[in-house]
Amino acid sequence: MVPKVIVGMSGGVDSAVTAYLLKAMGYDVIGVTLRTWLGSNGQESRCCEIDDAQAVAEQLDFPYYVLNCLSDFHRKVVEPFTYDYLHGLTPNPCVLCNRAIKWEGLLHAADVMGADYVATGHYASVVKLENGRYTVQKAASAPKDQTYMLYRLTQAQLSRTLMPLGRLTKDEVRRLARQAELSVAEKRDSQEICFVTDGSYADFIEANAEDYVPHIGNFVDEQGHVLGPHKGIIHYTVGQRKGLGLALGAPAYVKEINAATNDVVIAAEASLYRTEIVCHRLNFLSLPELPLGDTVCARVKIRYHDEGTWGTVERTGEDTVRVAFEQAVRAPAPGQSAVFYDECDCVIGGGEIAGNLA
C-alpha cells in the first residue's frame, strides 16, 4: 500500500519542495494549511499564506485543505507570548506553536484522513536511536538548522514525522523549486514571528493584551540607582544595547527586566555573562528522562542563532536542571529556551531558562 502523508503547507518554498520530494518518492501527498492568525487588517500569518500553498498543490496535483486553528492558536500561543512579555520574559512562541498547534493539527488531520505520516519543511532530520527513542538532528546546513524550535515535540509526534529537507541546503531547495517550476521558487523567507505582521512586538502586545500594559518605569543600575525613565518593559530584552535612549558616557546594556518593580537594570557588557543557568518546563527527546542528581554533558544553545557552548546539565528537581557552562555565555534571557545537544548534534532535550545563578 502506498504510504499517505499530510504535508504542512505554509505557502513558502520549503514546504512546497517538501511536498514535491515526497510525491516524487511515491508518497500519496495531501496538503494541509493550518490557519493560525488573521490580523485586524485581514492579513494572514506568514505561516499560513493560503493562496500560495493552494497554487503549489494545484501545480503538483494533490488534494489540499485548510484547517481553522485560530482560537487554539490564540489561546495556546498568543496569550502565553503576551503574558510572558508583560512579565519581563523573552518567550519562544514558535516552540509552543510547533508542539501544541502544528503537530497536533497535522496529526489530527492525518488521523481523520487515514494518513500514516505528517511532514514539514523544517531543516532538521528525525532520527530513531538504538534505545528506541526519537529525536531531531541538526540540519546539514548549519545556518538554516531549526532543531532549536523542535525540542518540545513528543515521541508520539516524532514517530510519525518526515522532514526531507534535513540534508539539503537552502540553495539546493531553491534549485529544486526552480527545476519543478514551482510558483513560490523565488519567494522570500519570513524572518520574524509569523503573527506579528506589522510593527514591533511591543506594538502587537499593546494592541492585543487583555491585561494592563506597564508603561513608563525606571532604568536603574546594578545598585538600584535611577538612571532615567524607560518607555515600558515590553520594549526591552536582556542583552539589548540599541534604542535605550541613555547617555551614560559608556556602552550600556539591559542586564535584567524586573516586572514586579517595572525597572530595567542597566550594566556594562561584562555583567551580561553567566556561567550557570537554571531551566524548567523540561522535555527530553533522546533520553527517556534524566534522573534526579544525574548529569549529562551537552552543547547548550541558549538562543536560536547561538552556536552552543559545552557544559554539564544536572537534574536538580522534579522539573528543573542546572546548566554549568565550560565558558561563560552572554545574556541568557529568562523565558528563552535552552536546548541540549550531544556530540552527534542530536537533541537530548531542553527547557525554558528560569534564571541565572552565577
Protein backbone atom coordinates (compact mmCIF):
# COMPACT_ATOMS: atom_id res chain seq x y z
CA MET A 1 0.00 0.00 0.00
CA VAL A 2 1.27 3.47 -0.88
CA PRO A 3 2.03 5.42 2.32
CA LYS A 4 -0.06 8.54 2.77
CA VAL A 5 1.44 11.73 4.20
CA ILE A 6 -0.05 15.06 5.30
CA VAL A 7 2.32 17.89 4.34
CA GLY A 8 2.04 21.09 6.34
CA MET A 9 1.89 23.84 3.71
CA SER A 10 2.87 27.34 4.81
CA GLY A 11 2.83 28.85 1.34
CA GLY A 12 6.64 29.08 1.27
CA VAL A 13 9.29 27.37 -0.81
CA ASP A 14 10.41 24.91 1.90
CA SER A 15 7.04 23.24 2.39
CA ALA A 16 6.46 23.28 -1.38
CA VAL A 17 9.70 21.41 -2.04
CA THR A 18 8.88 19.02 0.80
CA ALA A 19 5.64 18.10 -0.96
CA TYR A 20 7.44 17.85 -4.31
CA LEU A 21 10.10 15.49 -2.93
CA LEU A 22 7.64 13.23 -1.12
CA LYS A 23 5.41 12.98 -4.18
CA ALA A 24 8.48 12.08 -6.29
CA MET A 25 9.35 9.39 -3.72
CA GLY A 26 5.98 7.76 -4.25
CA TYR A 27 4.03 9.02 -1.25
CA ASP A 28 0.33 9.80 -1.52
CA VAL A 29 0.52 13.50 -0.62
CA ILE A 30 -2.21 15.63 0.90
CA GLY A 31 -1.53 19.30 1.58
CA VAL A 32 -2.87 20.98 4.71
CA THR A 33 -2.53 24.58 5.86
CA LEU A 34 -3.31 25.38 9.47
CA ARG A 35 -4.90 28.80 9.54
CA THR A 36 -3.50 30.26 12.75
CA TRP A 37 -3.73 34.04 12.52
CA LEU A 38 -5.84 36.70 10.84
CA GLY A 39 -4.91 40.27 11.69
CA SER A 40 -7.40 43.06 12.18
CA ASN A 41 -6.42 44.31 8.71
CA GLY A 42 -7.23 40.91 7.19
CA GLN A 43 -3.58 39.95 6.76
CA GLU A 44 -2.73 36.26 7.13
CA SER A 45 0.12 34.91 9.20
CA ARG A 46 3.30 34.21 7.22
CA CYS A 47 2.90 30.56 8.26
CA CYS A 48 -0.44 30.21 6.50
CA GLU A 49 -0.39 32.06 3.19
CA ILE A 50 -3.20 30.04 1.71
CA ASP A 51 -3.23 31.30 -1.89
CA ASP A 52 0.43 30.37 -2.44
CA ALA A 53 0.02 26.97 -0.78
CA GLN A 54 -3.05 26.16 -2.87
CA ALA A 55 -1.24 27.17 -6.06
CA VAL A 56 1.54 24.68 -5.30
CA ALA A 57 -0.97 21.92 -4.58
CA GLU A 58 -2.62 22.57 -7.93
CA GLN A 59 0.74 22.55 -9.72
CA LEU A 60 1.78 19.26 -8.16
CA ASP A 61 -1.73 17.78 -8.40
CA PHE A 62 -2.54 16.70 -4.88
CA PRO A 63 -5.54 17.41 -2.62
CA TYR A 64 -5.34 20.47 -0.41
CA TYR A 65 -7.27 21.57 2.67
CA VAL A 66 -7.30 24.48 5.11
CA LEU A 67 -7.97 23.82 8.80
CA ASN A 68 -9.08 26.62 11.10
CA CYS A 69 -6.87 26.82 14.20
CA LEU A 70 -7.47 30.48 15.03
CA SER A 71 -8.92 30.05 18.52
CA ASP A 72 -6.42 27.35 19.58
CA PHE A 73 -3.52 29.43 18.31
CA HIS A 74 -4.67 32.49 20.22
CA ARG A 75 -5.17 30.51 23.44
CA LYS A 76 -2.05 28.34 23.28
CA VAL A 77 0.46 30.68 21.62
CA VAL A 78 -0.57 34.34 21.50
CA GLU A 79 -1.86 34.57 25.08
CA PRO A 80 1.26 32.93 26.64
CA PHE A 81 3.51 35.08 24.41
CA THR A 82 1.77 38.24 25.57
CA TYR A 83 1.71 37.16 29.21
CA ASP A 84 5.44 36.40 29.20
CA TYR A 85 6.41 39.77 27.70
CA LEU A 86 4.22 41.58 30.22
CA HIS A 87 6.12 39.74 32.97
CA GLY A 88 9.61 40.60 31.75
CA LEU A 89 10.37 37.34 29.93
CA THR A 90 11.59 36.69 26.38
CA PRO A 91 9.43 33.86 25.02
CA ASN A 92 9.84 31.50 22.05
CA PRO A 93 6.32 31.31 20.56
CA CYS A 94 7.45 29.02 17.72
CA VAL A 95 8.45 26.37 20.27
CA LEU A 96 4.94 26.38 21.72
CA CYS A 97 3.30 26.50 18.29
CA ASN A 98 5.20 23.53 16.89
CA ARG A 99 4.04 21.11 19.57
CA ALA A 100 0.63 22.45 20.52
CA ILE A 101 -0.64 23.71 17.15
CA LYS A 102 1.29 22.46 14.11
CA TRP A 103 1.90 18.87 15.09
CA GLU A 104 -1.38 18.45 16.95
CA GLY A 105 -3.26 19.89 14.00
CA LEU A 106 -1.42 17.93 11.32
CA LEU A 107 -1.66 14.64 13.21
CA HIS A 108 -5.36 15.22 13.80
CA ALA A 109 -5.74 15.71 10.05
CA ALA A 110 -3.68 12.56 9.45
CA ASP A 111 -5.93 10.51 11.72
CA VAL A 112 -9.10 11.84 10.07
CA MET A 113 -7.76 11.26 6.54
CA GLY A 114 -6.10 7.92 7.24
CA ALA A 115 -2.55 9.15 6.68
CA ASP A 116 0.50 7.36 8.05
CA TYR A 117 2.77 10.38 8.45
CA VAL A 118 2.96 14.13 8.64
CA ALA A 119 5.75 16.14 7.02
CA THR A 120 7.10 19.65 7.33
CA GLY A 121 9.67 21.82 5.60
CA HIS A 122 11.88 22.20 8.67
CA TYR A 123 15.64 22.00 8.24
CA ALA A 124 16.24 19.06 10.57
CA SER A 125 16.22 15.26 10.47
CA VAL A 126 14.16 12.84 12.53
CA VAL A 127 16.34 10.07 13.96
CA LYS A 128 15.37 6.85 15.74
CA LEU A 129 18.10 5.91 18.20
CA GLU A 130 19.25 2.49 19.37
CA ASN A 131 17.38 2.97 22.64
CA GLY A 132 14.15 3.26 20.64
CA ARG A 133 13.76 6.98 21.28
CA TYR A 134 13.10 9.53 18.55
CA THR A 135 14.96 12.82 18.37
CA VAL A 136 15.86 15.53 15.88
CA GLN A 137 19.35 16.01 14.46
CA LYS A 138 20.83 19.28 13.27
CA ALA A 139 20.48 20.09 9.59
CA ALA A 140 23.39 19.68 7.20
CA SER A 141 23.11 23.42 6.56
CA ALA A 142 24.03 24.94 9.92
CA PRO A 143 22.68 28.46 9.16
CA LYS A 144 19.22 27.03 8.42
CA ASP A 145 19.07 24.47 11.25
CA GLN A 146 15.71 24.57 13.06
CA THR A 147 16.13 21.88 15.72
CA TYR A 148 16.19 24.56 18.44
CA MET A 149 12.49 25.18 17.81
CA LEU A 150 11.58 21.47 17.80
CA TYR A 151 12.81 20.25 21.18
CA ARG A 152 9.35 20.18 22.75
CA LEU A 153 7.93 17.64 20.29
CA THR A 154 6.73 14.38 21.82
CA GLN A 155 7.82 10.85 21.00
CA ALA A 156 4.40 10.12 19.51
CA GLN A 157 4.67 13.18 17.27
CA LEU A 158 8.20 12.44 16.07
CA SER A 159 7.45 8.77 15.38
CA ARG A 160 5.07 9.83 12.59
CA THR A 161 7.08 12.77 11.23
CA LEU A 162 9.07 13.13 8.00
CA MET A 163 11.50 16.02 7.39
CA PRO A 164 13.03 15.56 3.93
CA LEU A 165 14.97 18.85 3.90
CA GLY A 166 17.37 17.94 6.71
CA ARG A 167 20.23 17.01 4.41
CA LEU A 168 19.72 19.89 1.96
CA THR A 169 20.94 23.47 1.84
CA LYS A 170 18.67 26.39 1.07
CA ASP A 171 20.36 26.82 -2.31
CA GLU A 172 19.59 23.19 -3.15
CA VAL A 173 15.97 23.65 -2.12
CA ARG A 174 15.69 26.75 -4.33
CA ARG A 175 17.25 24.83 -7.21
CA LEU A 176 14.73 22.00 -6.84
CA ALA A 177 11.88 24.52 -6.75
CA ARG A 178 13.11 26.13 -9.97
CA GLN A 179 13.53 22.75 -11.66
CA ALA A 180 9.96 21.87 -10.73
CA GLU A 181 8.84 25.35 -11.85
CA LEU A 182 7.05 25.91 -8.57
CA SER A 183 5.28 29.25 -8.32
CA VAL A 184 6.97 30.02 -4.98
CA ALA A 185 10.52 29.23 -6.12
CA GLU A 186 11.71 32.83 -5.65
CA LYS A 187 9.54 33.71 -2.67
CA ARG A 188 11.47 35.34 0.16
CA ASP A 189 11.77 33.67 3.56
CA SER A 190 9.93 35.15 6.51
CA GLN A 191 12.27 36.27 9.27
CA GLU A 192 10.14 37.38 12.20
CA ILE A 193 7.42 35.91 14.38
CA CYS A 194 4.67 34.92 11.97
CA PHE A 195 1.73 36.63 13.67
CA VAL A 196 3.49 39.99 14.16
CA THR A 197 2.75 41.02 10.59
CA ASP A 198 3.26 44.75 11.03
CA GLY A 199 5.15 46.87 13.55
CA SER A 200 7.09 45.72 16.60
CA TYR A 201 6.45 43.09 19.26
CA ALA A 202 5.64 45.90 21.70
CA ASP A 203 3.05 47.34 19.31
CA PHE A 204 1.48 43.91 18.96
CA ILE A 205 1.31 43.38 22.73
CA GLU A 206 -0.21 46.80 23.35
CA ALA A 207 -2.86 46.08 20.73
CA ASN A 208 -3.68 42.56 21.90
CA ALA A 209 -3.05 42.41 25.64
CA GLU A 210 -6.17 41.99 27.74
CA ASP A 211 -4.32 42.88 30.94
CA TYR A 212 -2.76 46.17 31.97
CA VAL A 213 0.33 47.00 29.92
CA PRO A 214 3.06 48.62 32.06
CA HIS A 215 4.39 51.81 30.56
CA ILE A 216 6.90 54.33 31.92
CA GLY A 217 9.29 52.98 34.55
CA ASN A 218 12.90 53.47 35.57
CA PHE A 219 16.24 52.41 34.19
CA VAL A 220 18.37 51.56 37.22
CA ASP A 221 21.97 50.48 37.66
CA GLU A 222 23.05 47.30 39.46
CA GLN A 223 22.91 49.10 42.80
CA GLY A 224 19.37 50.34 42.18
CA HIS A 225 20.22 53.97 41.41
CA VAL A 226 17.79 55.56 38.96
CA LEU A 227 19.41 56.43 35.60
CA GLY A 228 16.36 57.75 33.81
CA PRO A 229 12.90 56.77 32.54
CA HIS A 230 12.11 53.92 30.16
CA LYS A 231 9.03 53.59 27.97
CA GLY A 232 7.80 50.20 29.28
CA ILE A 233 9.40 46.81 29.94
CA ILE A 234 7.81 45.24 26.84
CA HIS A 235 10.17 47.34 24.70
CA TYR A 236 13.35 45.68 26.04
CA THR A 237 15.11 42.33 26.12
CA VAL A 238 18.12 41.09 28.08
CA GLY A 239 21.35 41.95 26.25
CA GLN A 240 19.84 44.86 24.32
CA ARG A 241 22.01 47.93 23.69
CA LYS A 242 20.34 49.91 20.92
CA GLY A 243 17.26 52.01 21.48
CA LEU A 244 17.73 52.62 25.20
CA GLY A 245 17.95 56.41 24.90
CA LEU A 246 20.52 56.66 27.68
CA ALA A 247 23.66 58.81 27.56
CA LEU A 248 25.95 57.37 30.22
CA GLY A 249 29.35 58.02 28.63
CA ALA A 250 29.94 54.29 28.09
CA PRO A 251 28.11 51.43 26.33
CA ALA A 252 25.12 50.28 28.38
CA TYR A 253 23.13 47.05 28.13
CA VAL A 254 19.96 45.57 29.56
CA LYS A 255 21.03 43.12 32.25
CA GLU A 256 17.66 42.32 33.83
CA ILE A 257 13.97 43.15 33.50
CA ASN A 258 12.11 43.33 36.81
CA ALA A 259 8.39 43.19 36.10
CA ALA A 260 7.49 43.42 39.80
CA THR A 261 9.07 46.88 40.14
CA ASN A 262 8.79 47.92 36.46
CA ASP A 263 12.56 48.52 36.47
CA VAL A 264 15.05 47.74 33.71
CA VAL A 265 18.51 47.08 35.11
CA ILE A 266 21.38 48.56 33.08
CA ALA A 267 25.01 47.38 33.24
CA ALA A 268 28.27 47.12 31.33
CA GLU A 269 28.56 44.26 28.84
CA ALA A 270 30.81 42.24 31.16
CA SER A 271 27.89 41.89 33.58
CA LEU A 272 25.83 40.04 30.97
CA TYR A 273 27.97 36.89 31.08
CA ARG A 274 26.89 33.86 33.12
CA THR A 275 28.50 30.51 33.89
CA GLU A 276 25.31 28.85 35.17
CA ILE A 277 21.60 28.93 34.42
CA VAL A 278 18.54 27.11 35.72
CA CYS A 279 15.93 25.67 33.36
CA HIS A 280 12.41 24.39 33.95
CA ARG A 281 9.47 23.20 31.80
CA LEU A 282 11.69 20.38 30.60
CA ASN A 283 11.23 18.00 27.68
CA PHE A 284 13.60 15.15 26.82
CA LEU A 285 13.98 13.55 23.40
CA SER A 286 16.99 11.23 23.14
CA LEU A 287 16.73 10.33 26.84
CA PRO A 288 13.55 9.00 28.44
CA GLU A 289 14.42 11.08 31.49
CA LEU A 290 17.39 12.44 33.44
CA PRO A 291 17.15 11.08 37.00
CA LEU A 292 17.49 13.41 39.97
CA GLY A 293 21.17 14.11 40.66
CA ASP A 294 22.37 12.67 37.34
CA THR A 295 24.32 14.73 34.83
CA VAL A 296 24.88 14.71 31.10
CA CYS A 297 27.49 16.55 29.04
CA ALA A 298 25.91 18.64 26.30
CA ARG A 299 26.39 21.51 23.91
CA VAL A 300 23.77 24.00 25.03
CA LYS A 301 22.15 26.61 22.79
CA ILE A 302 20.52 29.49 24.66
CA ARG A 303 19.06 31.19 21.59
CA TYR A 304 18.12 30.25 18.05
CA HIS A 305 21.26 31.54 16.29
CA ASP A 306 23.62 30.55 19.09
CA GLU A 307 26.36 28.07 18.13
CA GLY A 308 26.11 26.43 21.54
CA THR A 309 28.52 26.10 24.46
CA TRP A 310 29.60 22.86 26.12
CA GLY A 311 28.53 22.32 29.69
CA THR A 312 27.09 19.92 32.24
CA VAL A 313 23.35 19.52 32.65
CA GLU A 314 22.38 18.32 36.15
CA ARG A 315 18.88 17.29 37.22
CA THR A 316 18.14 19.25 40.38
CA GLY A 317 14.39 18.85 40.86
CA GLU A 318 11.18 17.41 39.50
CA ASP A 319 11.13 19.95 36.67
CA THR A 320 14.49 21.73 36.93
CA VAL A 321 18.04 21.33 35.71
CA ARG A 322 21.16 23.38 36.36
CA VAL A 323 23.46 24.01 33.41
CA ALA A 324 27.12 24.75 34.27
CA PHE A 325 28.98 26.07 31.21
CA GLU A 326 32.64 25.47 30.44
CA GLN A 327 32.80 29.07 29.18
CA ALA A 328 30.58 31.94 30.23
CA VAL A 329 27.62 32.65 27.92
CA ARG A 330 26.33 36.09 27.02
CA ALA A 331 22.93 37.34 28.14
CA PRO A 332 20.87 34.22 28.85
CA ALA A 333 17.33 35.59 28.95
CA PRO A 334 14.62 34.18 31.23
CA GLY A 335 11.82 32.83 29.05
CA GLN A 336 14.12 31.78 26.22
CA SER A 337 14.76 28.12 25.50
CA ALA A 338 17.96 26.27 26.31
CA VAL A 339 18.39 23.21 24.10
CA PHE A 340 20.86 20.41 24.86
CA TYR A 341 22.75 18.58 22.07
CA ASP A 342 25.01 15.53 22.14
CA GLU A 343 28.27 15.06 20.21
CA CYS A 344 26.30 13.79 17.19
CA ASP A 345 24.24 17.01 17.02
CA CYS A 346 21.11 15.21 18.19
CA VAL A 347 18.80 16.92 20.67
CA ILE A 348 18.94 15.42 24.15
CA GLY A 349 16.21 17.72 25.39
CA GLY A 350 15.71 21.24 26.60
CA GLY A 351 13.83 23.63 28.82
CA GLU A 352 12.97 27.24 29.46
CA ILE A 353 15.54 29.48 31.14
CA ALA A 354 14.18 30.28 34.57
CA GLY A 355 17.01 32.39 35.94
CA ASN A 356 20.74 32.80 36.40
CA LEU A 357 22.88 31.51 39.22
CA ALA A 358 26.32 32.99 38.61
